[in-house]
C-alpha atoms as a PDB file:
ATOM      1  CA  UNK A   1     153.844 171.201  22.909  1.00  0.00           C
ATOM      2  CA  UNK A   2     150.474 170.892  21.128  1.00  0.00           C
ATOM      3  CA  UNK A   3     151.778 168.293  18.800  1.00  0.00           C
ATOM      4  CA  UNK A   4     153.296 166.290  21.709  1.00  0.00           C
ATOM      5  CA  UNK A   5     150.040 166.410  23.338  1.00  0.00           C
ATOM      6  CA  UNK A   6     148.185 165.235  20.137  1.00  0.00           C
ATOM      7  CA  UNK A   7     150.848 162.263  19.724  1.00  0.00           C
ATOM      8  CA  UNK A   8     150.049 161.292  23.321  1.00  0.00           C
ATOM      9  CA  UNK A   9     146.496 161.356  22.693  1.00  0.00           C
ATOM     10  CA  UNK A  10     146.714 159.053  19.465  1.00  0.00           C
ATOM     11  CA  UNK A  11     148.893 156.622  21.438  1.00  0.00           C
ATOM     12  CA  UNK A  12     146.394 156.227  24.266  1.00  0.00           C
ATOM     13  CA  UNK A  13     143.715 155.806  21.603  1.00  0.00           C
ATOM     14  CA  UNK A  14     145.720 152.979  20.081  1.00  0.00           C
ATOM     15  CA  UNK A  15     146.343 151.288  23.317  1.00  0.00           C
ATOM     16  CA  UNK A  16     142.693 151.616  24.442  1.00  0.00           C
ATOM     17  CA  UNK A  17     141.185 150.431  21.022  1.00  0.00           C
ATOM     18  CA  UNK A  18     143.930 147.488  21.227  1.00  0.00           C
ATOM     19  CA  UNK A  19     142.585 146.457  24.566  1.00  0.00           C
ATOM     20  CA  UNK A  20     139.039 146.658  23.668  1.00  0.00           C
ATOM     21  CA  UNK A  21     139.678 144.360  20.638  1.00  0.00           C
ATOM     22  CA  UNK A  22     141.034 141.907  23.174  1.00  0.00           C
ATOM     23  CA  UNK A  23     138.192 142.445  25.555  1.00  0.00           C
ATOM     24  CA  UNK A  24     135.356 142.209  22.802  1.00  0.00           C
ATOM     25  CA  UNK A  25     137.000 138.882  21.773  1.00  0.00           C
ATOM     26  CA  UNK A  26     137.247 137.115  25.154  1.00  0.00           C
ATOM     27  CA  UNK A  27     134.045 138.499  26.657  1.00  0.00           C
ATOM     28  CA  UNK A  28     132.011 137.822  23.816  1.00  0.00           C
ATOM     29  CA  UNK A  29     133.226 134.274  23.579  1.00  0.00           C
ATOM     30  CA  UNK A  30     133.187 133.673  27.178  1.00  0.00           C
ATOM     31  CA  UNK A  31     129.233 135.018  27.393  1.00  0.00           C
ATOM     32  CA  UNK A  32     128.179 132.860  24.233  1.00  0.00           C
ATOM     33  CA  UNK A  33     129.983 129.779  25.817  1.00  0.00           C
ATOM     34  CA  UNK A  34     128.487 130.467  29.303  1.00  0.00           C
ATOM     35  CA  UNK A  35     125.017 131.939  28.255  1.00  0.00           C
ATOM     36  CA  UNK A  36     125.650 134.866  30.025  1.00  0.00           C
ATOM     37  CA  UNK A  37     123.875 137.955  28.939  1.00  0.00           C
ATOM     38  CA  UNK A  38     126.014 140.326  30.712  1.00  0.00           C
ATOM     39  CA  UNK A  39     129.171 139.161  29.510  1.00  0.00           C
ATOM     40  CA  UNK A  40     127.681 139.179  26.053  1.00  0.00           C
ATOM     41  CA  UNK A  41     126.801 142.775  26.873  1.00  0.00           C
ATOM     42  CA  UNK A  42     130.365 143.399  28.082  1.00  0.00           C
ATOM     43  CA  UNK A  43     131.712 142.099  24.857  1.00  0.00           C
ATOM     44  CA  UNK A  44     129.540 144.097  22.573  1.00  0.00           C
ATOM     45  CA  UNK A  45     130.081 147.480  24.588  1.00  0.00           C
ATOM     46  CA  UNK A  46     134.080 146.908  23.859  1.00  0.00           C
ATOM     47  CA  UNK A  47     133.075 146.509  20.227  1.00  0.00           C
ATOM     48  CA  UNK A  48     131.153 149.952  20.282  1.00  0.00           C
ATOM     49  CA  UNK A  49     134.231 151.415  21.986  1.00  0.00           C
ATOM     50  CA  UNK A  50     136.515 150.161  18.951  1.00  0.00           C
ATOM     51  CA  UNK A  51     134.439 152.201  16.571  1.00  0.00           C
ATOM     52  CA  UNK A  52     134.519 155.282  19.197  1.00  0.00           C
ATOM     53  CA  UNK A  53     138.581 154.899  19.393  1.00  0.00           C
ATOM     54  CA  UNK A  54     139.062 154.484  15.581  1.00  0.00           C
ATOM     55  CA  UNK A  55     137.099 157.943  15.030  1.00  0.00           C
ATOM     56  CA  UNK A  56     139.108 159.513  17.557  1.00  0.00           C
ATOM     57  CA  UNK A  57     142.250 158.449  16.308  1.00  0.00           C
ATOM     58  CA  UNK A  58     140.998 159.897  12.598  1.00  0.00           C
ATOM     59  CA  UNK A  59     140.132 163.035  14.275  1.00  0.00           C
ATOM     60  CA  UNK A  60     143.676 163.514  15.946  1.00  0.00           C
ATOM     61  CA  UNK A  61     145.492 162.475  13.010  1.00  0.00           C
ATOM     62  CA  UNK A  62     143.994 165.317  11.194  1.00  0.00           C
ATOM     63  CA  UNK A  63     145.384 167.497  13.733  1.00  0.00           C
ATOM     64  CA  UNK A  64     148.761 166.381  13.844  1.00  0.00           C
ATOM     65  CA  UNK A  65     149.028 166.397  10.118  1.00  0.00           C
ATOM     66  CA  UNK A  66     148.333 170.058  10.009  1.00  0.00           C
ATOM     67  CA  UNK A  67     144.691 170.333   9.025  1.00  0.00           C
ATOM     68  CA  UNK A  68     143.127 173.536   9.220  1.00  0.00           C
ATOM     69  CA  UNK A  69     141.197 174.615  12.206  1.00  0.00           C
ATOM     70  CA  UNK A  70     137.773 174.192  10.309  1.00  0.00           C
ATOM     71  CA  UNK A  71     138.626 170.742   9.031  1.00  0.00           C
ATOM     72  CA  UNK A  72     139.751 169.924  12.788  1.00  0.00           C
ATOM     73  CA  UNK A  73     136.528 171.345  14.148  1.00  0.00           C
ATOM     74  CA  UNK A  74     134.338 169.502  11.661  1.00  0.00           C
ATOM     75  CA  UNK A  75     136.080 166.391  12.565  1.00  0.00           C
ATOM     76  CA  UNK A  76     135.786 167.116  16.143  1.00  0.00           C
ATOM     77  CA  UNK A  77     131.860 167.619  15.800  1.00  0.00           C
ATOM     78  CA  UNK A  78     131.429 164.415  13.780  1.00  0.00           C
ATOM     79  CA  UNK A  79     133.407 162.429  16.265  1.00  0.00           C
ATOM     80  CA  UNK A  80     131.639 164.076  19.189  1.00  0.00           C
ATOM     81  CA  UNK A  81     128.147 163.137  17.463  1.00  0.00           C
ATOM     82  CA  UNK A  82     129.356 159.518  17.022  1.00  0.00           C
ATOM     83  CA  UNK A  83     130.621 158.935  20.409  1.00  0.00           C
ATOM     84  CA  UNK A  84     127.083 160.599  21.600  1.00  0.00           C
ATOM     85  CA  UNK A  85     125.297 157.966  19.581  1.00  0.00           C
ATOM     86  CA  UNK A  86     127.461 155.206  20.843  1.00  0.00           C
ATOM     87  CA  UNK A  87     126.788 156.288  24.292  1.00  0.00           C
ATOM     88  CA  UNK A  88     123.135 156.401  23.688  1.00  0.00           C
ATOM     89  CA  UNK A  89     123.219 152.815  22.125  1.00  0.00           C
ATOM     90  CA  UNK A  90     125.151 151.726  25.270  1.00  0.00           C
ATOM     91  CA  UNK A  91     122.352 153.136  27.622  1.00  0.00           C
ATOM     92  CA  UNK A  92     119.512 151.381  25.504  1.00  0.00           C
ATOM     93  CA  UNK A  93     121.718 148.123  25.469  1.00  0.00           C
ATOM     94  CA  UNK A  94     122.244 148.390  29.364  1.00  0.00           C
ATOM     95  CA  UNK A  95     118.682 148.749  29.872  1.00  0.00           C
ATOM     96  CA  UNK A  96     117.780 145.899  27.782  1.00  0.00           C
ATOM     97  CA  UNK A  97     120.209 143.528  29.275  1.00  0.00           C
ATOM     98  CA  UNK A  98     119.456 144.339  32.701  1.00  0.00           C
ATOM     99  CA  UNK A  99     115.646 144.084  32.234  1.00  0.00           C
ATOM    100  CA  UNK A 100     116.055 140.736  30.436  1.00  0.00           C
ATOM    101  CA  UNK A 101     118.136 139.687  33.816  1.00  0.00           C
ATOM    102  CA  UNK A 102     115.727 140.857  36.005  1.00  0.00           C
ATOM    103  CA  UNK A 103     112.462 139.274  34.380  1.00  0.00           C
ATOM    104  CA  UNK A 104     114.420 136.277  33.546  1.00  0.00           C
ATOM    105  CA  UNK A 105     116.162 136.040  36.886  1.00  0.00           C
ATOM    106  CA  UNK A 106     119.420 136.018  35.164  1.00  0.00           C
ATOM    107  CA  UNK A 107     122.587 136.617  36.847  1.00  0.00           C
ATOM    108  CA  UNK A 108     126.375 137.145  35.826  1.00  0.00           C
ATOM    109  CA  UNK A 109     127.761 133.606  34.911  1.00  0.00           C
ATOM    110  CA  UNK A 110     130.988 132.508  36.926  1.00  0.00           C
ATOM    111  CA  UNK A 111     133.035 132.001  33.678  1.00  0.00           C
ATOM    112  CA  UNK A 112     136.628 132.053  34.641  1.00  0.00           C
ATOM    113  CA  UNK A 113     137.528 133.578  31.427  1.00  0.00           C
ATOM    114  CA  UNK A 114     134.916 136.355  31.997  1.00  0.00           C
ATOM    115  CA  UNK A 115     135.674 137.044  35.417  1.00  0.00           C
ATOM    116  CA  UNK A 116     139.291 137.570  34.768  1.00  0.00           C
ATOM    117  CA  UNK A 117     139.004 139.783  31.852  1.00  0.00           C
ATOM    118  CA  UNK A 118     136.109 142.026  33.963  1.00  0.00           C
ATOM    119  CA  UNK A 119     138.921 142.094  36.851  1.00  0.00           C
ATOM    120  CA  UNK A 120     141.503 143.415  34.179  1.00  0.00           C
ATOM    121  CA  UNK A 121     139.181 145.779  32.841  1.00  0.00           C
ATOM    122  CA  UNK A 122     138.681 147.109  36.017  1.00  0.00           C
ATOM    123  CA  UNK A 123     142.303 147.480  36.693  1.00  0.00           C
ATOM    124  CA  UNK A 124     142.954 149.167  33.120  1.00  0.00           C
ATOM    125  CA  UNK A 125     140.179 151.347  32.456  1.00  0.00           C
ATOM    126  CA  UNK A 126     141.084 154.109  35.250  1.00  0.00           C
ATOM    127  CA  UNK A 127     144.444 154.755  33.406  1.00  0.00           C
ATOM    128  CA  UNK A 128     142.427 155.429  29.924  1.00  0.00           C
ATOM    129  CA  UNK A 129     139.975 157.354  31.869  1.00  0.00           C
ATOM    130  CA  UNK A 130     142.305 159.824  33.452  1.00  0.00           C
ATOM    131  CA  UNK A 131     144.497 160.141  30.675  1.00  0.00           C
ATOM    132  CA  UNK A 132     141.843 160.975  27.902  1.00  0.00           C
ATOM    133  CA  UNK A 133     140.374 163.475  30.375  1.00  0.00           C
ATOM    134  CA  UNK A 134     143.602 165.088  30.816  1.00  0.00           C
ATOM    135  CA  UNK A 135     144.595 165.102  27.245  1.00  0.00           C
ATOM    136  CA  UNK A 136     141.145 166.237  26.178  1.00  0.00           C
ATOM    137  CA  UNK A 137     141.105 169.163  28.478  1.00  0.00           C
ATOM    138  CA  UNK A 138     144.455 170.263  27.244  1.00  0.00           C
ATOM    139  CA  UNK A 139     143.729 169.982  23.781  1.00  0.00           C
ATOM    140  CA  UNK A 140     140.013 171.274  24.114  1.00  0.00           C
ATOM    141  CA  UNK A 141     138.720 168.252  22.625  1.00  0.00           C
ATOM    142  CA  UNK A 142     135.188 167.244  23.819  1.00  0.00           C
ATOM    143  CA  UNK A 143     135.167 164.164  21.785  1.00  0.00           C
ATOM    144  CA  UNK A 144     138.377 163.013  23.615  1.00  0.00           C
ATOM    145  CA  UNK A 145     136.835 163.524  26.951  1.00  0.00           C
ATOM    146  CA  UNK A 146     133.393 162.166  25.892  1.00  0.00           C
ATOM    147  CA  UNK A 147     135.456 158.890  24.839  1.00  0.00           C
ATOM    148  CA  UNK A 148     136.413 158.722  28.475  1.00  0.00           C
ATOM    149  CA  UNK A 149     132.579 158.005  29.442  1.00  0.00           C
ATOM    150  CA  UNK A 150     132.745 155.020  27.187  1.00  0.00           C
ATOM    151  CA  UNK A 151     135.666 153.838  29.175  1.00  0.00           C
ATOM    152  CA  UNK A 152     133.470 154.516  32.544  1.00  0.00           C
ATOM    153  CA  UNK A 153     130.908 152.404  30.909  1.00  0.00           C
ATOM    154  CA  UNK A 154     133.123 149.496  30.167  1.00  0.00           C
ATOM    155  CA  UNK A 155     134.627 149.599  33.889  1.00  0.00           C
ATOM    156  CA  UNK A 156     131.011 149.991  35.072  1.00  0.00           C
ATOM    157  CA  UNK A 157     129.690 146.788  33.217  1.00  0.00           C
ATOM    158  CA  UNK A 158     133.010 144.648  34.206  1.00  0.00           C
ATOM    159  CA  UNK A 159     131.800 145.575  37.962  1.00  0.00           C
ATOM    160  CA  UNK A 160     128.412 144.725  37.504  1.00  0.00           C
ATOM    161  CA  UNK A 161     129.584 141.235  36.253  1.00  0.00           C
ATOM    162  CA  UNK A 162     131.596 140.772  39.430  1.00  0.00           C
ATOM    163  CA  UNK A 163     129.253 142.108  41.782  1.00  0.00           C
ATOM    164  CA  UNK A 164     126.512 139.822  40.308  1.00  0.00           C
ATOM    165  CA  UNK A 165     128.978 136.663  40.903  1.00  0.00           C
ATOM    166  CA  UNK A 166     129.774 137.863  44.304  1.00  0.00           C
ATOM    167  CA  UNK A 167     126.547 138.970  45.513  1.00  0.00           C
ATOM    168  CA  UNK A 168     124.799 135.731  44.353  1.00  0.00           C
ATOM    169  CA  UNK A 169     127.462 133.366  45.592  1.00  0.00           C
ATOM    170  CA  UNK A 170     127.478 135.156  49.237  1.00  0.00           C
ATOM    171  CA  UNK A 171     123.834 136.201  49.506  1.00  0.00           C
ATOM    172  CA  UNK A 172     121.755 134.870  46.469  1.00  0.00           C
ATOM    173  CA  UNK A 173     121.155 138.433  45.356  1.00  0.00           C
ATOM    174  CA  UNK A 174     120.958 137.467  41.873  1.00  0.00           C
ATOM    175  CA  UNK A 175     119.130 141.213  40.954  1.00  0.00           C
ATOM    176  CA  UNK A 176     121.985 143.228  42.437  1.00  0.00           C
ATOM    177  CA  UNK A 177     123.901 143.748  39.127  1.00  0.00           C
ATOM    178  CA  UNK A 178     121.070 144.430  37.073  1.00  0.00           C
ATOM    179  CA  UNK A 179     119.706 147.059  39.457  1.00  0.00           C
ATOM    180  CA  UNK A 180     123.130 148.571  39.611  1.00  0.00           C
ATOM    181  CA  UNK A 181     123.475 148.703  35.832  1.00  0.00           C
ATOM    182  CA  UNK A 182     120.097 150.465  35.392  1.00  0.00           C
ATOM    183  CA  UNK A 183     121.203 153.223  37.884  1.00  0.00           C
ATOM    184  CA  UNK A 184     124.199 153.959  35.557  1.00  0.00           C
ATOM    185  CA  UNK A 185     121.714 154.435  32.470  1.00  0.00           C
ATOM    186  CA  UNK A 186     120.580 157.931  33.221  1.00  0.00           C
ATOM    187  CA  UNK A 187     124.233 159.035  33.330  1.00  0.00           C
ATOM    188  CA  UNK A 188     125.354 157.459  30.428  1.00  0.00           C
ATOM    189  CA  UNK A 189     122.299 158.414  28.134  1.00  0.00           C
ATOM    190  CA  UNK A 190     122.767 162.057  29.343  1.00  0.00           C
ATOM    191  CA  UNK A 191     126.458 162.238  28.287  1.00  0.00           C
ATOM    192  CA  UNK A 192     125.399 160.568  24.910  1.00  0.00           C
ATOM    193  CA  UNK A 193     122.757 163.269  24.412  1.00  0.00           C
ATOM    194  CA  UNK A 194     125.050 166.085  25.153  1.00  0.00           C
ATOM    195  CA  UNK A 195     127.481 164.801  22.555  1.00  0.00           C
ATOM    196  CA  UNK A 196     124.948 164.740  19.813  1.00  0.00           C
ATOM    197  CA  UNK A 197     123.496 167.918  20.750  1.00  0.00           C
ATOM    198  CA  UNK A 198     126.807 169.571  20.890  1.00  0.00           C
ATOM    199  CA  UNK A 199     126.281 170.960  24.370  1.00  0.00           C
END
């Protein structure tokens, strides 16, 4: 039963990491072409999540290959710390990007490919979030649960890209996406700090 759960978790991580690779390429390319800070941030966020996903796969494969409890716990701790560091980096990243937008009067660009990838991300991320939390709780894997917060961040950034486009187009509220992103920073940073401390 446990091995079945671990196998399902590995499959979810492979799917999530593959999607992040697609998201990274499209969002980063769209952001560079459209000179959109938010889209570039979206792409770099995806790259950090590829690293987190790869670490989770390494930790889960140790368990499926029959590693000792001590070895699994060590892998879990290393993975949890790394995911925590990634969440802290994301919080710093979102803060810098949002402040640059606010001071520079920047707004999410209406790049067609960027908007499409953001919409797809908002549709796909809830599936990964739910599954990672479900399997993380069943396996008592804090690292897997923490990885779901990376997906929350991804969905939130995708949402701010779309909110920025819509609110700016309809009401001229160029600052809305940046303010919304800054509100998220505390949540991301707190989760990252917990992972690093091992709380």
